[in-house]
């Protein structure tokens, strides 16, 4: 017997010794992996809410005084209430997705749960990015309509602005606002792309595997 035939026989004997996974076994494995991913999405969304809540306590008092002085206190209060309500709805949906994916009995139900989770994450990311952009634009438009009052408040709270002439204040302030705002939104997009992007890719792989079983 030549070496090739010997290798074939060894491979066949080893193949018979390997455990064969049924569709049910694969389904349970993918169910466990998908449930873990959705659980992480739920926990990360809670962590994100806590992060922004804690960060709000570190806003300088000078910034609060400027916004209060220019008439944005009530506006920001209403915006924060609406934002937290919407955020709470998304957290509830993530939790609902997590609970739903744990009790799926069939491959079709699991595939539907994965699609629902991906859709919820997509809307969550779009909402947060769009809300940040609209808030940045809206606040700065309001600042622009109150630029004279804003200049006085900035001079009173920040010594550096006292050296800037009133006619130069508008360009200096709003260019800096644009740069800071763009960096801030860029970091948000980067965070979502890395964290939720990785989790969504894993869910997509699980979905593709389930499609093969379903077929």
C-alpha atoms as a PDB file:
ATOM      1  CA  UNK A   1       0.000   0.000   0.000  1.00  0.00           C
ATOM      2  CA  UNK A   2       1.497   3.337  -1.022  1.00  0.00           C
ATOM      3  CA  UNK A   3       1.673   6.392   1.218  1.00  0.00           C
ATOM      4  CA  UNK A   4      -1.299   8.132  -0.463  1.00  0.00           C
ATOM      5  CA  UNK A   5      -3.675   5.239   0.222  1.00  0.00           C
ATOM      6  CA  UNK A   6      -2.417   5.036   3.789  1.00  0.00           C
ATOM      7  CA  UNK A   7      -3.143   8.741   4.334  1.00  0.00           C
ATOM      8  CA  UNK A   8      -6.636   8.328   2.881  1.00  0.00           C
ATOM      9  CA  UNK A   9      -7.452   5.494   5.280  1.00  0.00           C
ATOM     10  CA  UNK A  10      -6.114   7.486   8.238  1.00  0.00           C
ATOM     11  CA  UNK A  11      -8.214  10.509   7.270  1.00  0.00           C
ATOM     12  CA  UNK A  12     -11.376   8.425   6.854  1.00  0.00           C
ATOM     13  CA  UNK A  13     -10.900   6.815  10.253  1.00  0.00           C
ATOM     14  CA  UNK A  14     -10.364  10.208  11.894  1.00  0.00           C
ATOM     15  CA  UNK A  15     -13.404  11.680  10.087  1.00  0.00           C
ATOM     16  CA  UNK A  16     -15.597   8.956  11.578  1.00  0.00           C
ATOM     17  CA  UNK A  17     -14.304   9.767  15.059  1.00  0.00           C
ATOM     18  CA  UNK A  18     -15.213  13.475  14.786  1.00  0.00           C
ATOM     19  CA  UNK A  19     -18.572  14.487  16.304  1.00  0.00           C
ATOM     20  CA  UNK A  20     -21.236  15.306  13.754  1.00  0.00           C
ATOM     21  CA  UNK A  21     -23.342  18.356  14.540  1.00  0.00           C
ATOM     22  CA  UNK A  22     -27.032  18.256  13.712  1.00  0.00           C
ATOM     23  CA  UNK A  23     -28.997  21.301  12.543  1.00  0.00           C
ATOM     24  CA  UNK A  24     -30.428  21.499  16.049  1.00  0.00           C
ATOM     25  CA  UNK A  25     -26.935  21.647  17.568  1.00  0.00           C
ATOM     26  CA  UNK A  26     -25.853  24.383  15.148  1.00  0.00           C
ATOM     27  CA  UNK A  27     -29.082  26.279  15.827  1.00  0.00           C
ATOM     28  CA  UNK A  28     -28.453  26.173  19.579  1.00  0.00           C
ATOM     29  CA  UNK A  29     -24.857  27.350  19.118  1.00  0.00           C
ATOM     30  CA  UNK A  30     -25.917  30.279  16.936  1.00  0.00           C
ATOM     31  CA  UNK A  31     -28.772  31.067  19.329  1.00  0.00           C
ATOM     32  CA  UNK A  32     -26.344  31.270  22.248  1.00  0.00           C
ATOM     33  CA  UNK A  33     -23.878  33.437  20.303  1.00  0.00           C
ATOM     34  CA  UNK A  34     -26.606  35.777  19.019  1.00  0.00           C
ATOM     35  CA  UNK A  35     -28.169  36.101  22.468  1.00  0.00           C
ATOM     36  CA  UNK A  36     -24.784  37.079  23.909  1.00  0.00           C
ATOM     37  CA  UNK A  37     -24.269  39.737  21.212  1.00  0.00           C
ATOM     38  CA  UNK A  38     -27.712  41.275  21.759  1.00  0.00           C
ATOM     39  CA  UNK A  39     -27.087  41.266  25.515  1.00  0.00           C
ATOM     40  CA  UNK A  40     -23.895  43.268  24.938  1.00  0.00           C
ATOM     41  CA  UNK A  41     -25.795  45.751  22.769  1.00  0.00           C
ATOM     42  CA  UNK A  42     -28.312  46.219  25.587  1.00  0.00           C
ATOM     43  CA  UNK A  43     -25.587  46.686  28.220  1.00  0.00           C
ATOM     44  CA  UNK A  44     -23.556  49.087  26.068  1.00  0.00           C
ATOM     45  CA  UNK A  45     -26.624  51.272  25.464  1.00  0.00           C
ATOM     46  CA  UNK A  46     -27.147  51.504  29.248  1.00  0.00           C
ATOM     47  CA  UNK A  47     -23.467  52.330  29.711  1.00  0.00           C
ATOM     48  CA  UNK A  48     -23.740  55.042  27.064  1.00  0.00           C
ATOM     49  CA  UNK A  49     -26.712  56.615  28.837  1.00  0.00           C
ATOM     50  CA  UNK A  50     -24.843  56.576  32.159  1.00  0.00           C
ATOM     51  CA  UNK A  51     -21.759  58.086  30.494  1.00  0.00           C
ATOM     52  CA  UNK A  52     -23.675  61.089  29.102  1.00  0.00           C
ATOM     53  CA  UNK A  53     -25.516  61.541  32.406  1.00  0.00           C
ATOM     54  CA  UNK A  54     -22.271  61.594  34.398  1.00  0.00           C
ATOM     55  CA  UNK A  55     -20.600  63.832  31.806  1.00  0.00           C
ATOM     56  CA  UNK A  56     -23.369  66.421  32.282  1.00  0.00           C
ATOM     57  CA  UNK A  57     -22.162  66.977  35.860  1.00  0.00           C
ATOM     58  CA  UNK A  58     -18.761  68.089  34.544  1.00  0.00           C
ATOM     59  CA  UNK A  59     -20.089  70.887  32.317  1.00  0.00           C
ATOM     60  CA  UNK A  60     -18.375  74.110  33.493  1.00  0.00           C
ATOM     61  CA  UNK A  61     -20.559  76.525  35.429  1.00  0.00           C
ATOM     62  CA  UNK A  62     -19.469  79.295  33.038  1.00  0.00           C
ATOM     63  CA  UNK A  63     -21.067  77.413  30.113  1.00  0.00           C
ATOM     64  CA  UNK A  64     -24.286  76.962  32.092  1.00  0.00           C
ATOM     65  CA  UNK A  65     -24.341  80.681  32.961  1.00  0.00           C
ATOM     66  CA  UNK A  66     -23.914  81.646  29.300  1.00  0.00           C
ATOM     67  CA  UNK A  67     -26.729  79.370  28.132  1.00  0.00           C
ATOM     68  CA  UNK A  68     -28.977  80.516  30.976  1.00  0.00           C
ATOM     69  CA  UNK A  69     -28.154  84.155  30.312  1.00  0.00           C
ATOM     70  CA  UNK A  70     -28.903  83.876  26.622  1.00  0.00           C
ATOM     71  CA  UNK A  71     -32.239  82.139  27.245  1.00  0.00           C
ATOM     72  CA  UNK A  72     -31.499  78.479  26.542  1.00  0.00           C
ATOM     73  CA  UNK A  73     -32.104  77.023  30.004  1.00  0.00           C
ATOM     74  CA  UNK A  74     -35.704  75.947  29.387  1.00  0.00           C
ATOM     75  CA  UNK A  75     -34.934  74.857  25.816  1.00  0.00           C
ATOM     76  CA  UNK A  76     -32.108  72.577  26.951  1.00  0.00           C
ATOM     77  CA  UNK A  77     -34.285  71.184  29.735  1.00  0.00           C
ATOM     78  CA  UNK A  78     -37.023  70.233  27.260  1.00  0.00           C
ATOM     79  CA  UNK A  79     -34.489  68.796  24.789  1.00  0.00           C
ATOM     80  CA  UNK A  80     -32.875  66.695  27.542  1.00  0.00           C
ATOM     81  CA  UNK A  81     -36.234  65.329  28.698  1.00  0.00           C
ATOM     82  CA  UNK A  82     -37.201  64.350  25.138  1.00  0.00           C
ATOM     83  CA  UNK A  83     -33.757  62.862  24.487  1.00  0.00           C
ATOM     84  CA  UNK A  84     -33.776  60.754  27.647  1.00  0.00           C
ATOM     85  CA  UNK A  85     -37.285  59.509  26.877  1.00  0.00           C
ATOM     86  CA  UNK A  86     -36.259  58.438  23.355  1.00  0.00           C
ATOM     87  CA  UNK A  87     -33.057  56.878  24.705  1.00  0.00           C
ATOM     88  CA  UNK A  88     -35.103  54.945  27.288  1.00  0.00           C
ATOM     89  CA  UNK A  89     -37.358  53.636  24.499  1.00  0.00           C
ATOM     90  CA  UNK A  90     -34.317  52.316  22.601  1.00  0.00           C
ATOM     91  CA  UNK A  91     -32.963  50.653  25.748  1.00  0.00           C
ATOM     92  CA  UNK A  92     -36.349  48.987  26.234  1.00  0.00           C
ATOM     93  CA  UNK A  93     -36.305  47.798  22.596  1.00  0.00           C
ATOM     94  CA  UNK A  94     -32.793  46.373  23.049  1.00  0.00           C
ATOM     95  CA  UNK A  95     -33.968  44.573  26.175  1.00  0.00           C
ATOM     96  CA  UNK A  96     -37.043  43.316  24.319  1.00  0.00           C
ATOM     97  CA  UNK A  97     -34.805  42.039  21.499  1.00  0.00           C
ATOM     98  CA  UNK A  98     -32.600  40.288  24.044  1.00  0.00           C
ATOM     99  CA  UNK A  99     -35.529  38.616  25.808  1.00  0.00           C
ATOM    100  CA  UNK A 100     -37.117  37.709  22.491  1.00  0.00           C
ATOM    101  CA  UNK A 101     -33.986  36.133  21.055  1.00  0.00           C
ATOM    102  CA  UNK A 102     -33.539  33.938  24.125  1.00  0.00           C
ATOM    103  CA  UNK A 103     -36.913  32.236  23.740  1.00  0.00           C
ATOM    104  CA  UNK A 104     -36.880  31.622  19.987  1.00  0.00           C
ATOM    105  CA  UNK A 105     -37.730  28.011  19.159  1.00  0.00           C
ATOM    106  CA  UNK A 106     -37.173  27.912  15.425  1.00  0.00           C
ATOM    107  CA  UNK A 107     -34.486  29.008  13.013  1.00  0.00           C
ATOM    108  CA  UNK A 108     -36.957  31.324  11.274  1.00  0.00           C
ATOM    109  CA  UNK A 109     -37.796  33.055  14.572  1.00  0.00           C
ATOM    110  CA  UNK A 110     -34.118  33.491  15.375  1.00  0.00           C
ATOM    111  CA  UNK A 111     -33.448  35.001  11.954  1.00  0.00           C
ATOM    112  CA  UNK A 112     -36.352  37.420  12.476  1.00  0.00           C
ATOM    113  CA  UNK A 113     -35.001  38.400  15.912  1.00  0.00           C
ATOM    114  CA  UNK A 114     -31.578  39.113  14.419  1.00  0.00           C
ATOM    115  CA  UNK A 115     -33.111  41.294  11.694  1.00  0.00           C
ATOM    116  CA  UNK A 116     -35.187  43.172  14.293  1.00  0.00           C
ATOM    117  CA  UNK A 117     -32.075  43.801  16.393  1.00  0.00           C
ATOM    118  CA  UNK A 118     -30.088  45.057  13.414  1.00  0.00           C
ATOM    119  CA  UNK A 119     -32.948  47.392  12.484  1.00  0.00           C
ATOM    120  CA  UNK A 120     -33.169  48.750  16.050  1.00  0.00           C
ATOM    121  CA  UNK A 121     -29.414  49.394  16.191  1.00  0.00           C
ATOM    122  CA  UNK A 122     -29.546  51.164  12.824  1.00  0.00           C
ATOM    123  CA  UNK A 123     -32.331  53.495  13.983  1.00  0.00           C
ATOM    124  CA  UNK A 124     -30.522  54.062  17.292  1.00  0.00           C
ATOM    125  CA  UNK A 125     -27.291  55.124  15.581  1.00  0.00           C
ATOM    126  CA  UNK A 126     -29.106  57.299  13.008  1.00  0.00           C
ATOM    127  CA  UNK A 127     -31.103  58.997  15.760  1.00  0.00           C
ATOM    128  CA  UNK A 128     -28.080  59.828  17.915  1.00  0.00           C
ATOM    129  CA  UNK A 129     -25.962  61.144  15.044  1.00  0.00           C
ATOM    130  CA  UNK A 130     -28.845  63.124  13.510  1.00  0.00           C
ATOM    131  CA  UNK A 131     -29.850  64.542  16.918  1.00  0.00           C
ATOM    132  CA  UNK A 132     -26.270  65.673  17.560  1.00  0.00           C
ATOM    133  CA  UNK A 133     -26.012  67.372  14.162  1.00  0.00           C
ATOM    134  CA  UNK A 134     -29.403  69.106  14.498  1.00  0.00           C
ATOM    135  CA  UNK A 135     -28.616  70.251  18.037  1.00  0.00           C
ATOM    136  CA  UNK A 136     -25.265  71.662  16.925  1.00  0.00           C
ATOM    137  CA  UNK A 137     -26.857  73.548  14.018  1.00  0.00           C
ATOM    138  CA  UNK A 138     -29.868  74.742  16.008  1.00  0.00           C
ATOM    139  CA  UNK A 139     -27.889  76.040  18.993  1.00  0.00           C
ATOM    140  CA  UNK A 140     -25.399  77.876  16.823  1.00  0.00           C
ATOM    141  CA  UNK A 141     -28.145  79.476  14.744  1.00  0.00           C
ATOM    142  CA  UNK A 142     -29.691  80.712  17.978  1.00  0.00           C
ATOM    143  CA  UNK A 143     -26.276  81.950  19.129  1.00  0.00           C
ATOM    144  CA  UNK A 144     -25.936  83.831  15.856  1.00  0.00           C
ATOM    145  CA  UNK A 145     -29.238  85.655  16.368  1.00  0.00           C
ATOM    146  CA  UNK A 146     -28.007  86.684  19.833  1.00  0.00           C
ATOM    147  CA  UNK A 147     -24.370  87.313  18.914  1.00  0.00           C
ATOM    148  CA  UNK A 148     -24.118  90.722  20.607  1.00  0.00           C
ATOM    149  CA  UNK A 149     -25.508  89.372  23.874  1.00  0.00           C
ATOM    150  CA  UNK A 150     -23.399  86.248  23.466  1.00  0.00           C
ATOM    151  CA  UNK A 151     -20.266  88.351  23.068  1.00  0.00           C
ATOM    152  CA  UNK A 152     -20.933  90.178  26.336  1.00  0.00           C
ATOM    153  CA  UNK A 153     -21.519  86.927  28.181  1.00  0.00           C
ATOM    154  CA  UNK A 154     -18.379  85.343  26.738  1.00  0.00           C
ATOM    155  CA  UNK A 155     -16.255  88.353  27.744  1.00  0.00           C
ATOM    156  CA  UNK A 156     -17.679  88.211  31.282  1.00  0.00           C
ATOM    157  CA  UNK A 157     -16.999  84.492  31.706  1.00  0.00           C
ATOM    158  CA  UNK A 158     -13.819  84.000  29.668  1.00  0.00           C
ATOM    159  CA  UNK A 159     -10.941  86.474  29.883  1.00  0.00           C
ATOM    160  CA  UNK A 160      -9.510  85.411  26.532  1.00  0.00           C
ATOM    161  CA  UNK A 161     -12.494  86.775  24.627  1.00  0.00           C
ATOM    162  CA  UNK A 162     -11.938  90.272  26.051  1.00  0.00           C
ATOM    163  CA  UNK A 163      -8.974  90.682  23.683  1.00  0.00           C
ATOM    164  CA  UNK A 164     -11.097  89.826  20.632  1.00  0.00           C
ATOM    165  CA  UNK A 165     -12.802  92.826  18.949  1.00  0.00           C
ATOM    166  CA  UNK A 166     -16.604  92.525  18.596  1.00  0.00           C
ATOM    167  CA  UNK A 167     -16.394  92.520  14.798  1.00  0.00           C
ATOM    168  CA  UNK A 168     -13.982  89.554  14.891  1.00  0.00           C
ATOM    169  CA  UNK A 169     -15.859  87.639  17.564  1.00  0.00           C
ATOM    170  CA  UNK A 170     -18.418  86.119  15.196  1.00  0.00           C
ATOM    171  CA  UNK A 171     -15.876  84.463  12.906  1.00  0.00           C
ATOM    172  CA  UNK A 172     -13.611  83.281  15.761  1.00  0.00           C
ATOM    173  CA  UNK A 173     -16.438  81.870  17.871  1.00  0.00           C
ATOM    174  CA  UNK A 174     -18.419  80.116  15.147  1.00  0.00           C
ATOM    175  CA  UNK A 175     -15.362  78.676  13.389  1.00  0.00           C
ATOM    176  CA  UNK A 176     -14.230  77.185  16.707  1.00  0.00           C
ATOM    177  CA  UNK A 177     -17.761  75.903  17.319  1.00  0.00           C
ATOM    178  CA  UNK A 178     -17.766  74.262  13.879  1.00  0.00           C
ATOM    179  CA  UNK A 179     -14.405  72.571  14.460  1.00  0.00           C
ATOM    180  CA  UNK A 180     -15.266  71.340  17.959  1.00  0.00           C
ATOM    181  CA  UNK A 181     -18.707  70.180  16.812  1.00  0.00           C
ATOM    182  CA  UNK A 182     -17.268  68.298  13.819  1.00  0.00           C
ATOM    183  CA  UNK A 183     -14.710  66.549  16.046  1.00  0.00           C
ATOM    184  CA  UNK A 184     -17.405  65.658  18.580  1.00  0.00           C
ATOM    185  CA  UNK A 185     -19.750  64.190  15.969  1.00  0.00           C
ATOM    186  CA  UNK A 186     -16.830  62.416  14.295  1.00  0.00           C
ATOM    187  CA  UNK A 187     -15.971  60.713  17.599  1.00  0.00           C
ATOM    188  CA  UNK A 188     -19.587  59.628  18.059  1.00  0.00           C
ATOM    189  CA  UNK A 189     -19.665  58.110  14.557  1.00  0.00           C
ATOM    190  CA  UNK A 190     -16.299  56.421  15.154  1.00  0.00           C
ATOM    191  CA  UNK A 191     -17.540  54.941  18.435  1.00  0.00           C
ATOM    192  CA  UNK A 192     -20.693  53.570  16.835  1.00  0.00           C
ATOM    193  CA  UNK A 193     -18.792  52.259  13.838  1.00  0.00           C
ATOM    194  CA  UNK A 194     -16.290  50.381  15.980  1.00  0.00           C
ATOM    195  CA  UNK A 195     -18.471  49.090  18.830  1.00  0.00           C
ATOM    196  CA  UNK A 196     -21.842  48.486  17.180  1.00  0.00           C
ATOM    197  CA  UNK A 197     -20.202  47.783  13.820  1.00  0.00           C
ATOM    198  CA  UNK A 198     -18.286  44.811  15.240  1.00  0.00           C
ATOM    199  CA  UNK A 199     -21.375  43.430  16.967  1.00  0.00           C
ATOM    200  CA  UNK A 200     -23.496  43.857  13.832  1.00  0.00           C
ATOM    201  CA  UNK A 201     -20.919  41.987  11.718  1.00  0.00           C
ATOM    202  CA  UNK A 202     -21.047  39.082  14.153  1.00  0.00           C
ATOM    203  CA  UNK A 203     -24.841  39.057  14.051  1.00  0.00           C
ATOM    204  CA  UNK A 204     -24.730  39.143  10.235  1.00  0.00           C
ATOM    205  CA  UNK A 205     -22.409  36.117  10.196  1.00  0.00           C
ATOM    206  CA  UNK A 206     -24.828  34.241  12.447  1.00  0.00           C
ATOM    207  CA  UNK A 207     -27.713  35.207  10.169  1.00  0.00           C
ATOM    208  CA  UNK A 208     -25.843  33.919   7.111  1.00  0.00           C
ATOM    209  CA  UNK A 209     -25.155  30.611   8.848  1.00  0.00           C
ATOM    210  CA  UNK A 210     -28.821  30.294   9.772  1.00  0.00           C
ATOM    211  CA  UNK A 211     -29.797  30.941   6.149  1.00  0.00           C
ATOM    212  CA  UNK A 212     -27.700  27.942   5.078  1.00  0.00           C
ATOM    213  CA  UNK A 213     -29.470  25.735   7.625  1.00  0.00           C
ATOM    214  CA  UNK A 214     -32.905  27.058   6.674  1.00  0.00           C
ATOM    215  CA  UNK A 215     -32.245  26.267   3.023  1.00  0.00           C
END
